[in-house]
């Protein structure tokens, strides 16, 4: 298995996932929340978000440092990509940074 290095490569890998139709039938918020502990965990554990993969480094270069946030961006962006919606990546990053400042 090759670890994706870009968000677009994540889409290619996720397109091969089973259960995609059910996931896309959910609302965006529900899909991301429900799959955070299953698909999201798999992404964090297998795509090097806990270690030092190129994918993790890409997120860090964009100011996202927490693997949970990284997998959330991947899931949310993929959902929007599949639905033909604007991914709004900059807004996603901004939202994470704002929420991170509340700690």
Protein backbone atom coordinates (compact mmCIF):
# COMPACT_ATOMS: atom_id res chain seq x y z
CA UNK A 1 0.00 0.00 0.00
CA UNK A 2 1.32 3.41 -0.99
CA UNK A 3 0.70 6.23 1.47
CA UNK A 4 -0.89 9.18 -0.32
CA UNK A 5 1.28 12.31 -0.42
CA UNK A 6 -1.40 14.80 -1.49
CA UNK A 7 -5.08 15.36 -0.91
CA UNK A 8 -5.79 14.31 -4.50
CA UNK A 9 -3.98 11.00 -3.92
CA UNK A 10 -6.17 10.51 -0.83
CA UNK A 11 -9.24 10.77 -3.09
CA UNK A 12 -7.87 8.06 -5.39
CA UNK A 13 -7.34 5.70 -2.45
CA UNK A 14 -10.70 6.49 -0.82
CA UNK A 15 -12.53 5.96 -4.12
CA UNK A 16 -11.63 2.28 -3.75
CA UNK A 17 -13.33 2.00 -0.34
CA UNK A 18 -16.32 -0.21 0.25
CA UNK A 19 -19.46 1.35 1.70
CA UNK A 20 -18.88 4.61 -0.12
CA UNK A 21 -22.51 4.90 -1.22
CA UNK A 22 -23.80 4.72 2.36
CA UNK A 23 -21.24 7.27 3.48
CA UNK A 24 -22.24 9.68 0.72
CA UNK A 25 -25.91 9.26 1.62
CA UNK A 26 -25.16 10.87 5.00
CA UNK A 27 -25.02 14.61 5.50
CA UNK A 28 -21.49 16.01 5.47
CA UNK A 29 -21.40 16.64 9.22
CA UNK A 30 -22.80 13.20 10.05
CA UNK A 31 -20.48 11.46 7.60
CA UNK A 32 -17.37 13.09 9.05
CA UNK A 33 -18.43 12.55 12.68
CA UNK A 34 -19.62 8.96 12.25
CA UNK A 35 -16.57 7.87 10.25
CA UNK A 36 -14.01 9.70 12.40
CA UNK A 37 -13.56 6.65 14.64
CA UNK A 38 -13.53 4.07 11.85
CA UNK A 39 -12.27 5.29 8.48
CA UNK A 40 -10.66 8.31 10.13
CA UNK A 41 -8.73 6.09 12.53
CA UNK A 42 -7.66 3.86 9.65
CA UNK A 43 -6.40 6.92 7.76
CA UNK A 44 -4.48 8.20 10.81
CA UNK A 45 -2.90 4.81 11.49
CA UNK A 46 -2.14 3.70 7.93
CA UNK A 47 -1.26 6.92 6.14
CA UNK A 48 1.47 8.02 8.54
CA UNK A 49 -0.36 10.84 10.27
CA UNK A 50 1.09 9.73 13.63
CA UNK A 51 4.59 9.42 12.17
CA UNK A 52 6.35 11.54 9.57
CA UNK A 53 4.78 10.81 6.18
CA UNK A 54 4.86 13.29 3.32
CA UNK A 55 1.10 13.65 3.76
CA UNK A 56 1.56 14.70 7.39
CA UNK A 57 4.31 17.12 6.36
CA UNK A 58 1.94 18.68 3.80
CA UNK A 59 -0.62 19.30 6.54
CA UNK A 60 2.02 20.71 8.89
CA UNK A 61 3.18 23.08 6.14
CA UNK A 62 -0.43 24.33 6.07
CA UNK A 63 -0.53 24.84 9.85
CA UNK A 64 -2.46 21.66 10.72
CA UNK A 65 -0.53 19.65 13.32
CA UNK A 66 -3.04 17.23 14.90
CA UNK A 67 -3.65 13.88 13.14
CA UNK A 68 -7.34 13.99 14.14
CA UNK A 69 -7.70 17.32 12.33
CA UNK A 70 -5.80 15.99 9.34
CA UNK A 71 -8.08 12.97 8.91
CA UNK A 72 -11.10 15.27 9.38
CA UNK A 73 -9.91 17.48 6.52
CA UNK A 74 -9.34 14.40 4.35
CA UNK A 75 -12.83 13.01 5.05
CA UNK A 76 -14.60 16.37 4.69
CA UNK A 77 -12.72 17.25 1.50
CA UNK A 78 -13.36 13.84 -0.03
CA UNK A 79 -17.06 14.09 0.81
CA UNK A 80 -17.26 17.50 -0.86
CA UNK A 81 -15.23 16.30 -3.84
CA UNK A 82 -17.57 13.35 -4.40
CA UNK A 83 -20.65 15.58 -4.08
CA UNK A 84 -19.22 18.14 -6.51
CA UNK A 85 -19.06 20.82 -3.83
CA UNK A 86 -16.37 23.43 -3.23
CA UNK A 87 -13.78 21.87 -0.94
CA UNK A 88 -13.01 25.24 0.71
CA UNK A 89 -9.67 24.03 1.96
CA UNK A 90 -8.54 27.42 3.24
CA UNK A 91 -11.76 27.79 5.25
CA UNK A 92 -11.29 24.31 6.71
CA UNK A 93 -7.75 25.20 7.78
CA UNK A 94 -8.90 28.53 9.22
CA UNK A 95 -11.69 26.84 11.22
CA UNK A 96 -9.26 24.32 12.73
CA UNK A 97 -6.81 27.07 13.67
CA UNK A 98 -9.58 29.16 15.29
CA UNK A 99 -10.87 26.19 17.29
CA UNK A 100 -7.30 25.31 18.29
CA UNK A 101 -6.87 28.77 19.80
CA UNK A 102 -9.71 28.03 22.26
CA UNK A 103 -7.61 25.52 24.22
